[in-house]
N, C-alpha and C. Protein backbone atom coordinates (compact mmCIF):
# COMPACT_ATOMS: atom_id res chain seq x y z
N MET A 1 77.71 25.28 89.69
CA MET A 1 77.13 26.44 90.32
C MET A 1 77.31 27.65 89.41
N SER A 2 76.27 28.36 89.15
CA SER A 2 76.32 29.53 88.27
C SER A 2 76.83 30.74 89.01
N PRO A 3 77.56 31.61 88.30
CA PRO A 3 78.04 32.83 88.96
C PRO A 3 76.87 33.75 89.27
N ALA A 4 77.01 34.51 90.35
CA ALA A 4 75.97 35.48 90.69
C ALA A 4 75.97 36.59 89.66
N ARG A 5 74.78 36.99 89.24
CA ARG A 5 74.66 38.04 88.24
C ARG A 5 74.08 39.28 88.89
N SER A 6 74.75 40.39 88.68
CA SER A 6 74.24 41.64 89.20
C SER A 6 73.28 42.24 88.20
N PRO A 7 72.43 43.17 88.62
CA PRO A 7 71.52 43.83 87.68
C PRO A 7 72.27 44.51 86.54
N SER A 8 73.46 45.04 86.78
CA SER A 8 74.19 45.69 85.69
C SER A 8 74.62 44.68 84.63
N HIS A 9 74.95 43.45 85.05
CA HIS A 9 75.27 42.40 84.09
C HIS A 9 74.07 42.11 83.21
N ASP A 10 72.89 42.05 83.82
CA ASP A 10 71.68 41.71 83.09
C ASP A 10 71.26 42.81 82.12
N ARG A 11 71.67 44.03 82.36
CA ARG A 11 71.33 45.12 81.46
C ARG A 11 72.42 45.41 80.44
N ALA A 12 73.60 44.85 80.64
CA ALA A 12 74.69 45.07 79.70
C ALA A 12 74.40 44.33 78.39
N THR A 13 74.67 44.99 77.29
CA THR A 13 74.51 44.40 75.97
C THR A 13 75.80 44.62 75.19
N PHE A 14 76.29 43.54 74.60
CA PHE A 14 77.52 43.60 73.81
C PHE A 14 77.18 43.51 72.33
N TRP A 15 77.79 44.39 71.54
CA TRP A 15 77.71 44.32 70.08
C TRP A 15 78.97 43.58 69.65
N LEU A 16 78.79 42.40 69.10
CA LEU A 16 79.93 41.57 68.70
C LEU A 16 79.90 41.30 67.20
N LYS A 17 81.06 41.27 66.60
CA LYS A 17 81.19 40.82 65.21
C LYS A 17 82.06 39.57 65.24
N ILE A 18 81.55 38.48 64.70
CA ILE A 18 82.28 37.21 64.66
C ILE A 18 82.60 36.89 63.21
N GLU A 19 83.88 36.60 62.96
CA GLU A 19 84.35 36.29 61.61
C GLU A 19 85.10 34.97 61.63
N LEU A 20 84.71 34.07 60.74
CA LEU A 20 85.41 32.80 60.60
C LEU A 20 86.70 33.05 59.83
N GLN A 21 87.80 32.65 60.39
CA GLN A 21 89.12 32.93 59.81
C GLN A 21 89.52 31.90 58.76
N HIS A 22 90.33 32.35 57.81
CA HIS A 22 91.00 31.50 56.82
C HIS A 22 90.07 30.82 55.83
N VAL A 23 88.91 31.43 55.55
CA VAL A 23 88.01 30.89 54.53
C VAL A 23 87.61 32.01 53.56
N ALA A 24 87.30 31.60 52.35
CA ALA A 24 86.76 32.52 51.35
C ALA A 24 85.59 31.81 50.68
N PRO A 25 84.46 32.45 50.59
CA PRO A 25 84.20 33.83 51.00
C PRO A 25 84.14 33.96 52.52
N LEU A 26 84.40 35.19 53.00
CA LEU A 26 84.39 35.46 54.43
C LEU A 26 83.00 35.20 55.00
N VAL A 27 82.94 34.47 56.11
CA VAL A 27 81.70 34.19 56.82
C VAL A 27 81.72 35.03 58.09
N TRP A 28 80.72 35.91 58.24
CA TRP A 28 80.69 36.78 59.42
C TRP A 28 79.25 37.03 59.86
N ARG A 29 79.11 37.42 61.14
CA ARG A 29 77.82 37.78 61.71
C ARG A 29 78.03 38.94 62.69
N ARG A 30 77.02 39.78 62.82
CA ARG A 30 77.01 40.85 63.82
C ARG A 30 75.87 40.55 64.79
N LEU A 31 76.18 40.58 66.10
CA LEU A 31 75.24 40.15 67.14
C LEU A 31 75.09 41.18 68.25
N LEU A 32 73.92 41.15 68.87
CA LEU A 32 73.71 41.77 70.18
C LEU A 32 73.60 40.62 71.17
N VAL A 33 74.40 40.67 72.22
CA VAL A 33 74.46 39.57 73.17
C VAL A 33 74.27 40.11 74.58
N PRO A 34 73.37 39.51 75.37
CA PRO A 34 73.22 39.92 76.77
C PRO A 34 74.50 39.67 77.56
N GLY A 35 74.91 40.64 78.34
CA GLY A 35 76.14 40.50 79.12
C GLY A 35 76.04 39.49 80.25
N GLY A 36 74.82 39.17 80.68
CA GLY A 36 74.65 38.27 81.81
C GLY A 36 74.69 36.79 81.47
N VAL A 37 74.81 36.42 80.18
CA VAL A 37 74.86 35.00 79.84
C VAL A 37 76.25 34.45 80.11
N ARG A 38 76.30 33.19 80.48
CA ARG A 38 77.58 32.52 80.72
C ARG A 38 78.25 32.19 79.37
N LEU A 39 79.54 31.95 79.41
CA LEU A 39 80.28 31.65 78.19
C LEU A 39 79.81 30.36 77.52
N ASP A 40 79.34 29.38 78.29
CA ASP A 40 78.83 28.16 77.64
C ASP A 40 77.61 28.49 76.78
N LYS A 41 76.80 29.43 77.21
CA LYS A 41 75.65 29.87 76.41
C LYS A 41 76.11 30.72 75.24
N LEU A 42 77.19 31.50 75.42
CA LEU A 42 77.74 32.26 74.31
C LEU A 42 78.20 31.31 73.21
N SER A 43 78.76 30.18 73.59
CA SER A 43 79.13 29.18 72.59
C SER A 43 77.89 28.70 71.84
N ASP A 44 76.81 28.42 72.57
CA ASP A 44 75.55 28.01 71.91
C ASP A 44 75.07 29.10 70.95
N ILE A 45 75.21 30.35 71.36
CA ILE A 45 74.81 31.49 70.52
C ILE A 45 75.67 31.52 69.25
N PHE A 46 76.98 31.36 69.41
CA PHE A 46 77.86 31.35 68.23
C PHE A 46 77.54 30.17 67.32
N GLN A 47 77.28 29.01 67.90
CA GLN A 47 76.96 27.83 67.10
C GLN A 47 75.70 28.07 66.27
N ALA A 48 74.66 28.60 66.90
CA ALA A 48 73.40 28.86 66.19
C ALA A 48 73.57 29.96 65.15
N THR A 49 74.33 30.97 65.48
CA THR A 49 74.51 32.11 64.59
C THR A 49 75.33 31.74 63.36
N MET A 50 76.39 30.99 63.57
CA MET A 50 77.26 30.65 62.45
C MET A 50 76.68 29.49 61.63
N GLY A 51 75.97 28.58 62.28
CA GLY A 51 75.41 27.45 61.55
C GLY A 51 76.13 26.14 61.80
N TRP A 52 76.96 26.09 62.82
CA TRP A 52 77.62 24.83 63.18
C TRP A 52 76.61 23.90 63.85
N ASN A 53 76.95 22.61 63.97
CA ASN A 53 76.01 21.69 64.61
C ASN A 53 76.39 21.34 66.05
N ASN A 54 77.41 22.01 66.60
CA ASN A 54 77.78 21.88 68.01
C ASN A 54 78.14 20.46 68.40
N SER A 55 78.90 19.79 67.55
CA SER A 55 79.25 18.39 67.81
C SER A 55 80.72 18.21 68.19
N HIS A 56 81.43 19.31 68.46
CA HIS A 56 82.86 19.24 68.78
C HIS A 56 83.18 20.15 69.96
N LEU A 57 84.38 19.96 70.50
CA LEU A 57 84.86 20.81 71.57
C LEU A 57 85.09 22.24 71.07
N HIS A 58 85.07 23.17 72.01
CA HIS A 58 85.31 24.56 71.68
C HIS A 58 86.04 25.22 72.85
N ALA A 59 86.57 26.40 72.60
CA ALA A 59 87.23 27.19 73.65
C ALA A 59 87.19 28.66 73.28
N PHE A 60 87.24 29.50 74.29
CA PHE A 60 87.36 30.94 74.13
C PHE A 60 88.74 31.35 74.62
N LEU A 61 89.41 32.19 73.86
CA LEU A 61 90.67 32.78 74.29
C LEU A 61 90.43 34.27 74.45
N VAL A 62 90.46 34.74 75.69
CA VAL A 62 90.23 36.15 76.00
C VAL A 62 91.50 36.65 76.66
N GLY A 63 92.24 37.48 75.93
CA GLY A 63 93.56 37.87 76.42
C GLY A 63 94.42 36.63 76.54
N ASP A 64 94.98 36.40 77.72
CA ASP A 64 95.80 35.21 77.91
C ASP A 64 95.06 34.13 78.70
N VAL A 65 93.73 34.24 78.79
CA VAL A 65 92.93 33.27 79.54
C VAL A 65 92.11 32.43 78.56
N SER A 66 92.13 31.12 78.78
CA SER A 66 91.33 30.19 77.98
C SER A 66 90.17 29.68 78.82
N TYR A 67 88.97 29.76 78.25
CA TYR A 67 87.76 29.23 78.88
C TYR A 67 87.21 28.14 77.98
N GLY A 68 86.69 27.09 78.59
CA GLY A 68 86.12 26.04 77.75
C GLY A 68 85.36 25.00 78.54
N MET A 69 85.13 23.90 77.85
CA MET A 69 84.37 22.77 78.38
C MET A 69 85.33 21.91 79.19
N LEU A 70 85.16 21.84 80.46
CA LEU A 70 86.05 21.04 81.29
C LEU A 70 85.55 19.61 81.32
N ASP A 71 86.33 18.71 80.69
CA ASP A 71 85.96 17.31 80.62
C ASP A 71 87.25 16.51 80.64
N ASP A 72 87.45 15.75 81.69
CA ASP A 72 88.70 14.99 81.85
C ASP A 72 88.91 13.96 80.75
N ASP A 73 87.84 13.56 80.07
CA ASP A 73 87.94 12.52 79.05
C ASP A 73 88.29 13.07 77.67
N GLU A 74 88.34 14.37 77.50
CA GLU A 74 88.56 14.97 76.18
C GLU A 74 89.94 15.61 76.10
N ASP A 75 90.34 15.94 74.90
CA ASP A 75 91.67 16.49 74.63
C ASP A 75 91.66 18.01 74.52
N GLY A 76 91.19 18.70 75.52
CA GLY A 76 91.21 20.15 75.55
C GLY A 76 92.45 20.63 76.29
N PRO A 77 92.73 21.91 76.25
CA PRO A 77 93.88 22.46 76.98
C PRO A 77 93.78 22.21 78.49
N ASP A 78 94.90 21.91 79.12
CA ASP A 78 94.93 21.58 80.54
C ASP A 78 94.70 22.78 81.44
N ASP A 79 95.07 23.98 80.98
CA ASP A 79 94.98 25.17 81.82
C ASP A 79 93.70 25.97 81.59
N GLN A 80 92.69 25.32 81.07
CA GLN A 80 91.45 25.99 80.73
C GLN A 80 90.59 26.23 81.97
N ARG A 81 89.92 27.39 81.98
CA ARG A 81 88.97 27.70 83.05
C ARG A 81 87.58 27.27 82.61
N ASP A 82 86.74 27.00 83.57
CA ASP A 82 85.38 26.51 83.31
C ASP A 82 84.50 27.63 82.75
N GLU A 83 84.01 27.42 81.53
CA GLU A 83 83.18 28.43 80.86
C GLU A 83 81.83 28.62 81.52
N THR A 84 81.40 27.67 82.35
CA THR A 84 80.10 27.80 83.02
C THR A 84 80.20 28.70 84.25
N GLU A 85 81.39 29.13 84.59
CA GLU A 85 81.60 29.92 85.80
C GLU A 85 81.81 31.41 85.54
N VAL A 86 81.69 31.83 84.30
CA VAL A 86 81.95 33.25 84.00
C VAL A 86 80.94 33.75 82.97
N THR A 87 80.52 35.01 83.16
CA THR A 87 79.57 35.62 82.24
C THR A 87 80.31 36.34 81.11
N VAL A 88 79.58 36.65 80.07
CA VAL A 88 80.13 37.44 78.96
C VAL A 88 80.65 38.77 79.50
N HIS A 89 79.86 39.42 80.35
CA HIS A 89 80.26 40.71 80.93
C HIS A 89 81.59 40.60 81.66
N ASP A 90 81.74 39.59 82.50
CA ASP A 90 82.97 39.44 83.27
C ASP A 90 84.16 39.09 82.39
N ALA A 91 83.96 38.22 81.41
CA ALA A 91 85.06 37.80 80.54
C ALA A 91 85.51 38.92 79.60
N LEU A 92 84.54 39.71 79.13
CA LEU A 92 84.86 40.70 78.10
C LEU A 92 85.08 42.11 78.62
N SER A 93 84.84 42.35 79.90
CA SER A 93 85.07 43.70 80.43
C SER A 93 86.49 44.15 80.15
N GLY A 94 86.62 45.26 79.45
CA GLY A 94 87.92 45.80 79.12
C GLY A 94 88.59 45.14 77.93
N GLN A 95 87.99 44.15 77.32
CA GLN A 95 88.57 43.45 76.17
C GLN A 95 87.91 43.91 74.87
N GLN A 96 88.68 43.98 73.82
CA GLN A 96 88.14 44.36 72.51
C GLN A 96 88.08 43.19 71.54
N ARG A 97 88.77 42.10 71.86
CA ARG A 97 88.81 40.94 70.96
C ARG A 97 88.87 39.66 71.77
N LEU A 98 88.38 38.61 71.14
CA LEU A 98 88.56 37.27 71.67
C LEU A 98 88.59 36.32 70.49
N THR A 99 89.08 35.14 70.72
CA THR A 99 89.08 34.09 69.71
C THR A 99 88.19 32.97 70.20
N TYR A 100 87.34 32.49 69.30
CA TYR A 100 86.48 31.33 69.58
C TYR A 100 86.97 30.20 68.70
N LYS A 101 87.43 29.12 69.33
CA LYS A 101 87.92 27.95 68.59
C LYS A 101 86.86 26.87 68.65
N TYR A 102 86.68 26.21 67.52
CA TYR A 102 85.69 25.14 67.44
C TYR A 102 86.28 23.98 66.64
N ASP A 103 86.09 22.78 67.13
CA ASP A 103 86.53 21.55 66.49
C ASP A 103 88.05 21.55 66.34
N TYR A 104 88.73 21.09 67.38
CA TYR A 104 90.19 21.09 67.38
C TYR A 104 90.77 20.29 66.22
N GLY A 105 90.07 19.27 65.74
CA GLY A 105 90.55 18.49 64.60
C GLY A 105 90.55 19.28 63.32
N ASP A 106 89.44 20.00 63.05
CA ASP A 106 89.35 20.82 61.84
C ASP A 106 90.03 22.18 62.04
N GLY A 107 90.13 22.63 63.27
CA GLY A 107 90.87 23.86 63.58
C GLY A 107 90.18 25.15 63.18
N TRP A 108 88.87 25.23 63.42
CA TRP A 108 88.15 26.46 63.08
C TRP A 108 88.44 27.54 64.11
N GLU A 109 88.79 28.73 63.64
CA GLU A 109 89.01 29.88 64.51
C GLU A 109 88.11 31.01 64.08
N HIS A 110 87.49 31.65 65.06
CA HIS A 110 86.63 32.80 64.82
C HIS A 110 87.23 33.99 65.57
N GLU A 111 87.45 35.06 64.86
CA GLU A 111 87.88 36.30 65.49
C GLU A 111 86.63 37.07 65.89
N VAL A 112 86.52 37.41 67.16
CA VAL A 112 85.35 38.12 67.67
C VAL A 112 85.80 39.49 68.15
N THR A 113 85.15 40.52 67.60
CA THR A 113 85.47 41.90 67.96
C THR A 113 84.32 42.47 68.79
N VAL A 114 84.66 43.06 69.92
CA VAL A 114 83.67 43.78 70.72
C VAL A 114 83.56 45.17 70.09
N GLU A 115 82.48 45.40 69.36
CA GLU A 115 82.31 46.68 68.68
C GLU A 115 81.77 47.76 69.62
N ASP A 116 81.01 47.34 70.62
CA ASP A 116 80.45 48.30 71.57
C ASP A 116 79.88 47.53 72.75
N MET A 117 79.67 48.23 73.85
CA MET A 117 79.00 47.67 75.01
C MET A 117 78.20 48.79 75.63
N GLY A 118 76.94 48.52 75.95
CA GLY A 118 76.10 49.53 76.56
C GLY A 118 75.17 48.90 77.57
N LYS A 119 74.54 49.74 78.32
CA LYS A 119 73.54 49.29 79.30
C LYS A 119 72.18 49.70 78.79
N GLN A 120 71.24 48.80 78.91
CA GLN A 120 69.87 49.03 78.45
C GLN A 120 68.97 49.24 79.67
N ALA A 121 67.92 50.02 79.51
CA ALA A 121 66.96 50.21 80.61
C ALA A 121 66.33 48.87 80.98
N PHE A 122 66.07 48.06 79.98
CA PHE A 122 65.55 46.71 80.19
C PHE A 122 66.53 45.76 79.53
N GLY A 123 66.90 44.70 80.23
CA GLY A 123 67.89 43.77 79.71
C GLY A 123 67.43 43.04 78.47
N LEU A 124 68.37 42.72 77.61
CA LEU A 124 68.12 41.90 76.44
C LEU A 124 67.98 40.46 76.89
N LYS A 125 66.88 39.81 76.55
CA LYS A 125 66.65 38.44 77.01
C LYS A 125 67.35 37.40 76.14
N TYR A 126 67.36 37.62 74.82
CA TYR A 126 67.97 36.67 73.89
C TYR A 126 69.00 37.41 73.04
N ALA A 127 69.95 36.67 72.53
CA ALA A 127 70.87 37.25 71.56
C ALA A 127 70.11 37.50 70.26
N VAL A 128 70.55 38.50 69.53
CA VAL A 128 69.92 38.87 68.26
C VAL A 128 71.02 39.01 67.22
N CYS A 129 70.82 38.38 66.07
CA CYS A 129 71.73 38.55 64.95
C CYS A 129 71.21 39.71 64.11
N LEU A 130 72.04 40.71 63.88
CA LEU A 130 71.64 41.90 63.14
C LEU A 130 71.90 41.76 61.64
N GLU A 131 72.98 41.11 61.30
CA GLU A 131 73.34 40.93 59.90
C GLU A 131 74.47 39.92 59.79
N GLY A 132 74.74 39.52 58.57
CA GLY A 132 75.82 38.58 58.31
C GLY A 132 75.91 38.27 56.84
N GLU A 133 76.92 37.51 56.48
CA GLU A 133 77.10 37.11 55.10
C GLU A 133 77.70 35.73 55.02
N ASN A 134 77.23 34.97 54.07
CA ASN A 134 77.77 33.70 53.61
C ASN A 134 77.50 32.55 54.58
N ALA A 135 77.44 31.37 54.00
CA ALA A 135 77.13 30.15 54.73
C ALA A 135 78.34 29.65 55.49
N CYS A 136 78.08 29.09 56.63
CA CYS A 136 79.11 28.44 57.42
C CYS A 136 79.49 27.14 56.71
N PRO A 137 80.76 26.77 56.71
CA PRO A 137 81.14 25.47 56.14
C PRO A 137 80.44 24.33 56.87
N PRO A 138 80.21 23.21 56.20
CA PRO A 138 79.64 22.06 56.89
C PRO A 138 80.59 21.54 57.97
N ASP A 139 80.04 21.05 59.06
CA ASP A 139 80.88 20.41 60.08
C ASP A 139 81.61 19.23 59.45
N ASP A 140 82.82 18.99 59.93
CA ASP A 140 83.65 17.85 59.53
C ASP A 140 84.11 17.89 58.08
N VAL A 141 84.13 19.09 57.49
CA VAL A 141 84.58 19.22 56.09
C VAL A 141 86.11 19.19 55.98
N GLY A 142 86.80 19.31 57.10
CA GLY A 142 88.26 19.22 57.06
C GLY A 142 88.98 20.53 57.27
N GLY A 143 88.34 21.46 57.95
CA GLY A 143 88.97 22.75 58.22
C GLY A 143 88.99 23.64 56.99
N PRO A 144 89.72 24.76 57.08
CA PRO A 144 89.75 25.71 55.96
C PRO A 144 90.20 25.09 54.63
N SER A 145 91.23 24.25 54.65
CA SER A 145 91.69 23.65 53.38
C SER A 145 90.67 22.65 52.85
N GLY A 146 90.06 21.87 53.74
CA GLY A 146 89.03 20.93 53.31
C GLY A 146 87.81 21.65 52.75
N TYR A 147 87.50 22.81 53.34
CA TYR A 147 86.38 23.61 52.84
C TYR A 147 86.68 24.13 51.44
N GLY A 148 87.91 24.57 51.21
CA GLY A 148 88.30 25.01 49.88
C GLY A 148 88.16 23.89 48.86
N ASP A 149 88.58 22.69 49.23
CA ASP A 149 88.44 21.53 48.34
C ASP A 149 86.96 21.22 48.09
N PHE A 150 86.16 21.30 49.14
CA PHE A 150 84.72 21.04 49.03
C PHE A 150 84.08 22.04 48.07
N LEU A 151 84.40 23.34 48.23
CA LEU A 151 83.83 24.36 47.35
C LEU A 151 84.24 24.14 45.90
N ALA A 152 85.49 23.74 45.69
CA ALA A 152 85.96 23.46 44.32
C ALA A 152 85.20 22.28 43.73
N ALA A 153 84.96 21.25 44.54
CA ALA A 153 84.25 20.06 44.05
C ALA A 153 82.80 20.36 43.70
N ILE A 154 82.11 21.12 44.54
CA ILE A 154 80.70 21.38 44.24
C ILE A 154 80.52 22.39 43.11
N ALA A 155 81.56 23.19 42.86
CA ALA A 155 81.47 24.19 41.79
C ALA A 155 81.67 23.57 40.40
N ASP A 156 82.19 22.36 40.33
CA ASP A 156 82.46 21.70 39.05
C ASP A 156 81.59 20.47 38.89
N PRO A 157 80.39 20.63 38.31
CA PRO A 157 79.47 19.50 38.19
C PRO A 157 80.01 18.37 37.31
N THR A 158 81.04 18.63 36.51
CA THR A 158 81.60 17.57 35.66
C THR A 158 82.77 16.86 36.33
N GLY A 159 83.24 17.39 37.46
CA GLY A 159 84.40 16.81 38.14
C GLY A 159 84.05 15.54 38.90
N GLN A 160 85.07 14.73 39.14
CA GLN A 160 84.88 13.46 39.84
C GLN A 160 84.36 13.63 41.26
N GLY A 161 84.80 14.70 41.93
CA GLY A 161 84.43 14.87 43.33
C GLY A 161 83.08 15.51 43.56
N HIS A 162 82.45 16.01 42.52
CA HIS A 162 81.19 16.74 42.68
C HIS A 162 80.10 15.87 43.31
N ARG A 163 79.83 14.74 42.72
CA ARG A 163 78.77 13.86 43.23
C ARG A 163 79.06 13.41 44.66
N LEU A 164 80.31 13.05 44.93
CA LEU A 164 80.68 12.60 46.28
C LEU A 164 80.51 13.73 47.30
N ALA A 165 80.93 14.94 46.93
CA ALA A 165 80.79 16.08 47.85
C ALA A 165 79.32 16.37 48.13
N MET A 166 78.49 16.32 47.10
CA MET A 166 77.06 16.58 47.27
C MET A 166 76.41 15.50 48.13
N GLU A 167 76.76 14.25 47.90
CA GLU A 167 76.21 13.16 48.72
C GLU A 167 76.67 13.28 50.17
N TRP A 168 77.97 13.56 50.35
CA TRP A 168 78.49 13.70 51.71
C TRP A 168 77.76 14.80 52.46
N ASN A 169 77.47 15.90 51.77
CA ASN A 169 76.80 17.04 52.40
C ASN A 169 75.30 16.83 52.54
N GLY A 170 74.76 15.84 51.88
CA GLY A 170 73.32 15.60 51.97
C GLY A 170 72.51 16.46 51.02
N GLY A 171 73.14 16.97 49.98
CA GLY A 171 72.42 17.79 49.00
C GLY A 171 73.20 19.03 48.63
N SER A 172 72.52 19.97 48.06
CA SER A 172 73.18 21.17 47.55
C SER A 172 73.71 22.04 48.68
N PHE A 173 74.65 22.91 48.31
CA PHE A 173 75.25 23.84 49.26
C PHE A 173 75.51 25.14 48.54
N ASP A 174 75.01 26.24 49.10
CA ASP A 174 75.23 27.56 48.53
C ASP A 174 76.13 28.34 49.47
N PRO A 175 77.41 28.56 49.10
CA PRO A 175 78.33 29.25 50.00
C PRO A 175 77.93 30.70 50.29
N ALA A 176 77.05 31.27 49.48
CA ALA A 176 76.61 32.66 49.68
C ALA A 176 75.33 32.75 50.51
N ALA A 177 74.78 31.62 50.92
CA ALA A 177 73.50 31.62 51.64
C ALA A 177 73.66 32.10 53.07
N PHE A 178 72.71 32.92 53.50
CA PHE A 178 72.60 33.31 54.91
C PHE A 178 71.16 33.77 55.12
N ASP A 179 70.49 33.18 56.09
CA ASP A 179 69.08 33.49 56.36
C ASP A 179 68.99 34.12 57.74
N LEU A 180 68.84 35.44 57.77
CA LEU A 180 68.79 36.19 59.02
C LEU A 180 67.58 35.77 59.88
N VAL A 181 66.42 35.59 59.26
CA VAL A 181 65.22 35.22 60.01
C VAL A 181 65.39 33.84 60.65
N ALA A 182 65.89 32.87 59.90
CA ALA A 182 66.10 31.52 60.45
C ALA A 182 67.14 31.54 61.56
N THR A 183 68.18 32.35 61.39
CA THR A 183 69.22 32.46 62.42
C THR A 183 68.63 33.01 63.72
N ASN A 184 67.82 34.04 63.63
CA ASN A 184 67.21 34.60 64.84
C ASN A 184 66.20 33.65 65.46
N ALA A 185 65.53 32.86 64.65
CA ALA A 185 64.62 31.84 65.20
C ALA A 185 65.42 30.82 66.01
N GLU A 186 66.59 30.43 65.52
CA GLU A 186 67.45 29.49 66.28
C GLU A 186 67.94 30.13 67.58
N LEU A 187 68.27 31.40 67.53
CA LEU A 187 68.73 32.08 68.75
C LEU A 187 67.64 32.14 69.81
N GLN A 188 66.39 32.23 69.41
CA GLN A 188 65.28 32.27 70.37
C GLN A 188 65.12 30.95 71.12
N ARG A 189 65.66 29.86 70.58
CA ARG A 189 65.55 28.55 71.22
C ARG A 189 66.60 28.32 72.32
N ILE A 190 67.59 29.19 72.37
CA ILE A 190 68.67 29.01 73.36
C ILE A 190 68.21 29.52 74.72
N ARG A 191 68.26 28.67 75.68
CA ARG A 191 67.82 29.02 77.06
C ARG A 191 69.00 28.99 77.99
């Protein structure tokens, strides 16, 4: 059952900056996010914006409250609240930061800063990425340390690991790549 949304929730817009922690170069994005979307959709927004493939568990830590995917068959935190039951507006009201965790095995952490919140005369229908830098690491690369090893391997075409890293990734990888237009096209697909 979805939470009831008030008109003020639907007109609230959050300016968020999401930064992937413990990687170099720094991967970050700046977003406008409708306040009326549920946290499960915010996860979809983060996945599309950062470039992950959404194949692992995730959780939000807002203050001392954890929200996530409630599934008895998975290894998520036991005290987690259902992310489908709370909106961005309700979770972030009065908060300036949250942590978004993705892939408990690889241990990706994203620091999310609430840069601003405002009300619009007409609600924002889709999230919008305003800017960002650098490519998201490939899923299943092995967390921050595995990503560092991957970057070292692809940077040395004469090294033993170069060919294997390129094959594993399915081709070339540019750590400085970020396509704002493609990112916003992906965000338009989230319903």
